[in-house]
Amino acid sequence: MRRMTSRAFVRDVLAEHIERVVTREQRSRRSVCFIACNRSPTDRVLYLPVDELPPNSTDEECRFIAGFFADAVAELGWTGMAVVLTRPGGPTVANVDRRWYGAVRDSCGEHGLRLLGMHLLTPGGSRELFLDDVI
């Protein structure tokens, strides 16, 4: 099996793709979308969306959902995933975003998946989330 290409390339391809396909209407919803990748995001991706999240998802809820999808992606034999959070408001990192980031990061680690990026998209703007943003 061919390895994924460089992290910078993968991150750029996914960021451009996400900005292009997530509509303004979708950015107003409370949702999380897991984007599973096998080899490279230029080969193929699989979208696994979850809509209508509670406004303040608990740590337990985030961990359950993230773990469920990380397990599913790993069972497929795929190698990584990116995650998109959407919610009303602006791109300032909120506590719920921190909970999602931690749950996703931990779930990817537990299932041997590369976390290829976590993105927050809102009607007020977008940003990629990094560990420094959530500490």
N, C-alpha and C. Protein backbone atom coordinates (compact mmCIF):
# COMPACT_ATOMS: atom_id res chain seq x y z
N MET A 1 0.85 -1.17 0.00
CA MET A 1 0.00 0.00 0.00
C MET A 1 0.89 1.24 0.00
N ARG A 2 0.54 2.22 -0.82
CA ARG A 2 1.28 3.47 -0.92
C ARG A 2 1.01 4.34 0.31
N ARG A 3 2.08 4.96 0.83
CA ARG A 3 1.91 5.84 1.98
C ARG A 3 1.28 7.17 1.56
N MET A 4 0.65 7.85 2.51
CA MET A 4 0.12 9.18 2.23
C MET A 4 1.27 10.13 1.92
N THR A 5 0.97 11.13 1.14
CA THR A 5 1.98 12.12 0.79
C THR A 5 2.25 13.04 1.97
N SER A 6 3.08 14.05 1.79
CA SER A 6 3.51 14.92 2.89
C SER A 6 2.33 15.54 3.63
N ARG A 7 2.56 15.78 4.91
CA ARG A 7 1.51 16.39 5.76
C ARG A 7 1.06 17.73 5.21
N ALA A 8 2.00 18.56 4.78
CA ALA A 8 1.66 19.89 4.28
C ALA A 8 0.76 19.79 3.04
N PHE A 9 1.08 18.88 2.13
CA PHE A 9 0.27 18.70 0.94
C PHE A 9 -1.13 18.23 1.30
N VAL A 10 -1.21 17.24 2.15
CA VAL A 10 -2.50 16.70 2.57
C VAL A 10 -3.33 17.78 3.25
N ARG A 11 -2.70 18.52 4.16
CA ARG A 11 -3.40 19.58 4.89
C ARG A 11 -3.94 20.63 3.92
N ASP A 12 -3.12 21.04 2.95
CA ASP A 12 -3.54 22.06 1.97
C ASP A 12 -4.68 21.55 1.09
N VAL A 13 -4.57 20.33 0.59
CA VAL A 13 -5.61 19.76 -0.27
C VAL A 13 -6.93 19.68 0.49
N LEU A 14 -6.88 19.19 1.72
CA LEU A 14 -8.12 19.07 2.50
C LEU A 14 -8.71 20.43 2.84
N ALA A 15 -7.89 21.38 3.23
CA ALA A 15 -8.39 22.72 3.58
C ALA A 15 -9.08 23.37 2.38
N GLU A 16 -8.47 23.30 1.21
CA GLU A 16 -9.08 23.86 0.01
C GLU A 16 -10.39 23.16 -0.32
N HIS A 17 -10.40 21.85 -0.22
CA HIS A 17 -11.59 21.06 -0.51
C HIS A 17 -12.72 21.42 0.45
N ILE A 18 -12.42 21.49 1.72
CA ILE A 18 -13.43 21.80 2.74
C ILE A 18 -14.02 23.18 2.51
N GLU A 19 -13.18 24.17 2.26
CA GLU A 19 -13.67 25.52 2.02
C GLU A 19 -14.59 25.58 0.80
N ARG A 20 -14.30 24.74 -0.18
CA ARG A 20 -15.05 24.74 -1.43
C ARG A 20 -16.41 24.03 -1.29
N VAL A 21 -16.47 22.96 -0.52
CA VAL A 21 -17.69 22.14 -0.52
C VAL A 21 -18.66 22.44 0.63
N VAL A 22 -18.21 23.03 1.71
CA VAL A 22 -19.11 23.31 2.83
C VAL A 22 -19.78 24.66 2.57
N THR A 23 -21.09 24.62 2.37
CA THR A 23 -21.84 25.83 2.01
C THR A 23 -22.05 26.75 3.21
N ARG A 24 -22.43 27.97 2.92
CA ARG A 24 -22.73 28.94 3.98
C ARG A 24 -23.86 28.43 4.87
N GLU A 25 -24.88 27.82 4.25
CA GLU A 25 -26.00 27.27 5.03
C GLU A 25 -25.50 26.18 5.98
N GLN A 26 -24.64 25.31 5.50
CA GLN A 26 -24.11 24.23 6.35
C GLN A 26 -23.29 24.78 7.51
N ARG A 27 -22.63 25.90 7.30
CA ARG A 27 -21.79 26.50 8.36
C ARG A 27 -22.63 27.02 9.52
N SER A 28 -23.91 27.20 9.31
CA SER A 28 -24.80 27.69 10.38
C SER A 28 -25.35 26.56 11.23
N ARG A 29 -25.17 25.32 10.79
CA ARG A 29 -25.67 24.16 11.54
C ARG A 29 -24.67 23.74 12.60
N ARG A 30 -25.15 23.01 13.56
CA ARG A 30 -24.26 22.38 14.54
C ARG A 30 -24.03 20.95 14.07
N SER A 31 -22.87 20.74 13.48
CA SER A 31 -22.59 19.41 12.93
C SER A 31 -21.11 19.10 13.02
N VAL A 32 -20.82 17.84 12.82
CA VAL A 32 -19.43 17.37 12.70
C VAL A 32 -19.41 16.42 11.51
N CYS A 33 -18.38 16.53 10.70
CA CYS A 33 -18.25 15.65 9.55
C CYS A 33 -16.86 15.03 9.58
N PHE A 34 -16.83 13.72 9.61
CA PHE A 34 -15.58 12.98 9.57
C PHE A 34 -15.30 12.68 8.10
N ILE A 35 -14.11 13.03 7.64
CA ILE A 35 -13.73 12.81 6.25
C ILE A 35 -12.61 11.77 6.25
N ALA A 36 -12.98 10.55 5.91
CA ALA A 36 -12.02 9.45 5.91
C ALA A 36 -11.21 9.48 4.62
N CYS A 37 -9.91 9.26 4.75
CA CYS A 37 -9.01 9.25 3.59
C CYS A 37 -8.23 7.94 3.57
N ASN A 38 -8.04 7.43 2.37
CA ASN A 38 -7.22 6.25 2.19
C ASN A 38 -6.08 6.64 1.26
N ARG A 39 -4.89 6.47 1.72
CA ARG A 39 -3.68 6.86 0.99
C ARG A 39 -3.55 8.36 0.91
N SER A 40 -4.30 9.01 0.05
CA SER A 40 -4.18 10.46 -0.15
C SER A 40 -5.57 11.04 -0.39
N PRO A 41 -5.81 12.27 0.05
CA PRO A 41 -7.13 12.87 -0.20
C PRO A 41 -7.38 13.15 -1.68
N THR A 42 -6.35 13.01 -2.50
CA THR A 42 -6.57 13.16 -3.94
C THR A 42 -7.06 11.86 -4.56
N ASP A 43 -6.91 10.72 -3.87
CA ASP A 43 -7.38 9.44 -4.38
C ASP A 43 -8.88 9.29 -4.18
N ARG A 44 -9.32 9.34 -2.94
CA ARG A 44 -10.75 9.26 -2.63
C ARG A 44 -10.96 9.62 -1.17
N VAL A 45 -12.16 10.07 -0.89
CA VAL A 45 -12.54 10.38 0.49
C VAL A 45 -13.95 9.85 0.72
N LEU A 46 -14.27 9.65 1.98
CA LEU A 46 -15.59 9.19 2.38
C LEU A 46 -16.11 10.15 3.44
N TYR A 47 -17.28 10.75 3.20
CA TYR A 47 -17.87 11.70 4.14
C TYR A 47 -18.80 10.98 5.11
N LEU A 48 -18.62 11.27 6.38
CA LEU A 48 -19.45 10.67 7.43
C LEU A 48 -19.99 11.81 8.31
N PRO A 49 -21.11 12.43 7.90
CA PRO A 49 -21.63 13.60 8.63
C PRO A 49 -22.58 13.23 9.78
N VAL A 50 -22.56 14.08 10.79
CA VAL A 50 -23.51 13.98 11.91
C VAL A 50 -24.09 15.38 12.09
N ASP A 51 -25.38 15.54 11.86
CA ASP A 51 -26.05 16.83 11.98
C ASP A 51 -26.82 16.92 13.29
N GLU A 52 -27.26 18.13 13.58
CA GLU A 52 -28.11 18.43 14.73
C GLU A 52 -27.48 18.04 16.06
N LEU A 53 -26.24 18.45 16.24
CA LEU A 53 -25.56 18.22 17.53
C LEU A 53 -26.14 19.15 18.58
N PRO A 54 -26.10 18.74 19.84
CA PRO A 54 -26.52 19.65 20.91
C PRO A 54 -25.60 20.88 20.93
N PRO A 55 -26.12 22.05 21.32
CA PRO A 55 -25.29 23.26 21.34
C PRO A 55 -24.02 23.12 22.20
N ASN A 56 -24.11 22.38 23.27
CA ASN A 56 -22.95 22.18 24.14
C ASN A 56 -22.73 20.69 24.35
N SER A 57 -22.28 20.02 23.29
CA SER A 57 -22.01 18.59 23.38
C SER A 57 -21.09 18.31 24.56
N THR A 58 -21.43 17.29 25.33
CA THR A 58 -20.62 16.93 26.49
C THR A 58 -19.37 16.18 26.04
N ASP A 59 -18.42 16.07 26.93
CA ASP A 59 -17.20 15.32 26.66
C ASP A 59 -17.56 13.88 26.30
N GLU A 60 -18.50 13.31 27.04
CA GLU A 60 -18.92 11.93 26.79
C GLU A 60 -19.54 11.77 25.40
N GLU A 61 -20.40 12.70 25.00
CA GLU A 61 -21.01 12.65 23.67
C GLU A 61 -19.96 12.76 22.57
N CYS A 62 -19.05 13.70 22.73
CA CYS A 62 -17.98 13.89 21.73
C CYS A 62 -17.13 12.64 21.61
N ARG A 63 -16.75 12.07 22.73
CA ARG A 63 -15.89 10.87 22.72
C ARG A 63 -16.62 9.67 22.13
N PHE A 64 -17.89 9.53 22.42
CA PHE A 64 -18.66 8.41 21.86
C PHE A 64 -18.73 8.51 20.33
N ILE A 65 -19.11 9.68 19.82
CA ILE A 65 -19.25 9.86 18.37
C ILE A 65 -17.90 9.76 17.68
N ALA A 66 -16.89 10.44 18.21
CA ALA A 66 -15.56 10.38 17.58
C ALA A 66 -15.01 8.96 17.60
N GLY A 67 -15.20 8.26 18.70
CA GLY A 67 -14.71 6.89 18.80
C GLY A 67 -15.43 5.96 17.84
N PHE A 68 -16.73 6.15 17.70
CA PHE A 68 -17.51 5.33 16.78
C PHE A 68 -16.98 5.47 15.35
N PHE A 69 -16.77 6.72 14.90
CA PHE A 69 -16.32 6.93 13.53
C PHE A 69 -14.86 6.56 13.33
N ALA A 70 -14.02 6.78 14.32
CA ALA A 70 -12.61 6.36 14.21
C ALA A 70 -12.53 4.84 14.09
N ASP A 71 -13.34 4.15 14.87
CA ASP A 71 -13.38 2.69 14.79
C ASP A 71 -13.84 2.24 13.40
N ALA A 72 -14.88 2.87 12.86
CA ALA A 72 -15.40 2.51 11.55
C ALA A 72 -14.35 2.72 10.46
N VAL A 73 -13.66 3.85 10.51
CA VAL A 73 -12.63 4.15 9.51
C VAL A 73 -11.48 3.15 9.61
N ALA A 74 -11.06 2.84 10.83
CA ALA A 74 -9.98 1.88 11.03
C ALA A 74 -10.39 0.49 10.53
N GLU A 75 -11.65 0.09 10.77
CA GLU A 75 -12.14 -1.21 10.32
C GLU A 75 -12.14 -1.31 8.79
N LEU A 76 -12.32 -0.18 8.12
CA LEU A 76 -12.26 -0.16 6.66
C LEU A 76 -10.82 -0.35 6.16
N GLY A 77 -9.87 -0.19 7.07
CA GLY A 77 -8.47 -0.29 6.68
C GLY A 77 -7.92 1.01 6.13
N TRP A 78 -8.66 2.09 6.29
CA TRP A 78 -8.21 3.39 5.81
C TRP A 78 -7.23 3.97 6.81
N THR A 79 -6.47 4.97 6.41
CA THR A 79 -5.31 5.39 7.20
C THR A 79 -5.45 6.71 7.94
N GLY A 80 -6.43 7.53 7.61
CA GLY A 80 -6.52 8.81 8.29
C GLY A 80 -7.86 9.47 8.08
N MET A 81 -8.06 10.56 8.82
CA MET A 81 -9.28 11.33 8.62
C MET A 81 -9.07 12.77 9.04
N ALA A 82 -9.86 13.62 8.41
CA ALA A 82 -9.96 15.02 8.79
C ALA A 82 -11.35 15.20 9.37
N VAL A 83 -11.52 16.27 10.14
CA VAL A 83 -12.81 16.50 10.78
C VAL A 83 -13.19 17.97 10.59
N VAL A 84 -14.47 18.18 10.29
CA VAL A 84 -15.00 19.53 10.14
C VAL A 84 -16.10 19.74 11.16
N LEU A 85 -15.96 20.79 11.96
CA LEU A 85 -17.03 21.21 12.87
C LEU A 85 -17.70 22.42 12.26
N THR A 86 -19.02 22.46 12.30
CA THR A 86 -19.75 23.66 11.88
C THR A 86 -20.67 24.06 13.02
N ARG A 87 -20.83 25.36 13.16
CA ARG A 87 -21.74 25.88 14.19
C ARG A 87 -22.00 27.36 13.92
N PRO A 88 -23.11 27.88 14.47
CA PRO A 88 -23.38 29.31 14.33
C PRO A 88 -22.30 30.13 15.05
N GLY A 89 -22.19 31.39 14.68
CA GLY A 89 -21.25 32.28 15.36
C GLY A 89 -20.01 32.54 14.54
N GLY A 90 -18.93 32.83 15.26
CA GLY A 90 -17.67 33.13 14.61
C GLY A 90 -16.62 32.08 14.90
N PRO A 91 -15.44 32.23 14.31
CA PRO A 91 -14.41 31.20 14.42
C PRO A 91 -13.55 31.26 15.68
N THR A 92 -13.98 32.02 16.68
CA THR A 92 -13.27 32.00 17.95
C THR A 92 -13.48 30.64 18.61
N VAL A 93 -12.42 30.04 19.09
CA VAL A 93 -12.50 28.69 19.66
C VAL A 93 -13.33 28.72 20.95
N ALA A 94 -14.35 27.87 20.99
CA ALA A 94 -15.24 27.76 22.15
C ALA A 94 -14.94 26.47 22.91
N ASN A 95 -15.47 26.36 24.10
CA ASN A 95 -15.25 25.15 24.91
C ASN A 95 -15.71 23.88 24.20
N VAL A 96 -16.83 23.96 23.50
CA VAL A 96 -17.32 22.78 22.78
C VAL A 96 -16.34 22.36 21.68
N ASP A 97 -15.68 23.33 21.06
CA ASP A 97 -14.68 23.02 20.04
C ASP A 97 -13.48 22.30 20.67
N ARG A 98 -13.13 22.73 21.86
CA ARG A 98 -12.04 22.07 22.59
C ARG A 98 -12.39 20.62 22.93
N ARG A 99 -13.63 20.40 23.34
CA ARG A 99 -14.07 19.03 23.65
C ARG A 99 -14.00 18.15 22.40
N TRP A 100 -14.49 18.67 21.28
CA TRP A 100 -14.45 17.89 20.04
C TRP A 100 -13.01 17.60 19.62
N TYR A 101 -12.15 18.59 19.71
CA TYR A 101 -10.76 18.39 19.30
C TYR A 101 -10.12 17.28 20.14
N GLY A 102 -10.28 17.35 21.45
CA GLY A 102 -9.70 16.33 22.32
C GLY A 102 -10.24 14.94 22.03
N ALA A 103 -11.55 14.85 21.82
CA ALA A 103 -12.17 13.55 21.54
C ALA A 103 -11.67 12.97 20.22
N VAL A 104 -11.58 13.80 19.20
CA VAL A 104 -11.13 13.35 17.89
C VAL A 104 -9.66 12.95 17.94
N ARG A 105 -8.86 13.78 18.55
CA ARG A 105 -7.41 13.49 18.63
C ARG A 105 -7.17 12.17 19.36
N ASP A 106 -7.83 12.00 20.49
CA ASP A 106 -7.66 10.77 21.27
C ASP A 106 -8.17 9.55 20.49
N SER A 107 -9.32 9.68 19.84
CA SER A 107 -9.90 8.55 19.10
C SER A 107 -9.01 8.15 17.92
N CYS A 108 -8.46 9.12 17.22
CA CYS A 108 -7.55 8.79 16.12
C CYS A 108 -6.33 8.05 16.65
N GLY A 109 -5.77 8.53 17.76
CA GLY A 109 -4.61 7.86 18.35
C GLY A 109 -4.92 6.44 18.78
N GLU A 110 -6.07 6.24 19.40
CA GLU A 110 -6.46 4.91 19.88
C GLU A 110 -6.68 3.92 18.74
N HIS A 111 -7.02 4.43 17.56
CA HIS A 111 -7.32 3.55 16.42
C HIS A 111 -6.23 3.57 15.35
N GLY A 112 -5.11 4.21 15.65
CA GLY A 112 -3.98 4.22 14.72
C GLY A 112 -4.22 5.00 13.44
N LEU A 113 -5.05 6.04 13.52
CA LEU A 113 -5.35 6.87 12.36
C LEU A 113 -4.57 8.18 12.42
N ARG A 114 -4.17 8.68 11.27
CA ARG A 114 -3.58 10.02 11.20
C ARG A 114 -4.71 11.03 11.24
N LEU A 115 -4.60 12.01 12.12
CA LEU A 115 -5.54 13.13 12.11
C LEU A 115 -4.99 14.13 11.10
N LEU A 116 -5.69 14.28 10.00
CA LEU A 116 -5.21 15.07 8.88
C LEU A 116 -5.64 16.53 8.95
N GLY A 117 -6.24 16.90 10.04
CA GLY A 117 -6.65 18.28 10.23
C GLY A 117 -8.04 18.33 10.84
N MET A 118 -8.25 19.37 11.62
CA MET A 118 -9.57 19.61 12.21
C MET A 118 -9.91 21.06 11.91
N HIS A 119 -11.06 21.26 11.29
CA HIS A 119 -11.44 22.58 10.81
C HIS A 119 -12.74 23.03 11.44
N LEU A 120 -12.79 24.30 11.81
CA LEU A 120 -13.99 24.93 12.35
C LEU A 120 -14.51 25.89 11.29
N LEU A 121 -15.72 25.66 10.81
CA LEU A 121 -16.33 26.52 9.82
C LEU A 121 -17.61 27.09 10.38
N THR A 122 -17.70 28.42 10.36
CA THR A 122 -18.87 29.13 10.88
C THR A 122 -19.29 30.17 9.84
N PRO A 123 -20.48 30.75 9.99
CA PRO A 123 -20.87 31.83 9.08
C PRO A 123 -19.91 33.02 9.17
N GLY A 124 -19.27 33.17 10.33
CA GLY A 124 -18.37 34.31 10.54
C GLY A 124 -16.93 34.07 10.12
N GLY A 125 -16.61 32.90 9.62
CA GLY A 125 -15.24 32.62 9.19
C GLY A 125 -14.86 31.18 9.47
N SER A 126 -13.63 30.86 9.15
CA SER A 126 -13.17 29.49 9.35
C SER A 126 -11.72 29.49 9.80
N ARG A 127 -11.33 28.36 10.36
CA ARG A 127 -9.94 28.19 10.80
C ARG A 127 -9.66 26.72 10.99
N GLU A 128 -8.40 26.38 10.88
CA GLU A 128 -7.99 25.04 11.26
C GLU A 128 -7.65 25.09 12.73
N LEU A 129 -8.04 24.07 13.46
CA LEU A 129 -7.75 23.98 14.88
C LEU A 129 -6.46 23.21 15.10
N PHE A 130 -5.64 23.72 15.99
CA PHE A 130 -4.39 23.07 16.37
C PHE A 130 -4.38 22.86 17.88
N LEU A 131 -3.50 22.02 18.35
CA LEU A 131 -3.41 21.74 19.78
C LEU A 131 -3.25 23.03 20.59
N ASP A 132 -2.46 23.96 20.11
CA ASP A 132 -2.27 25.23 20.82
C ASP A 132 -3.57 26.00 20.99
N ASP A 133 -4.50 25.84 20.07
CA ASP A 133 -5.78 26.55 20.14
C ASP A 133 -6.69 26.03 21.23
N VAL A 134 -6.50 24.80 21.62
CA VAL A 134 -7.45 24.16 22.52
C VAL A 134 -6.91 23.95 23.94
N ILE A 135 -5.68 24.30 24.16
CA ILE A 135 -5.09 24.14 25.49
C ILE A 135 -5.51 25.30 26.37
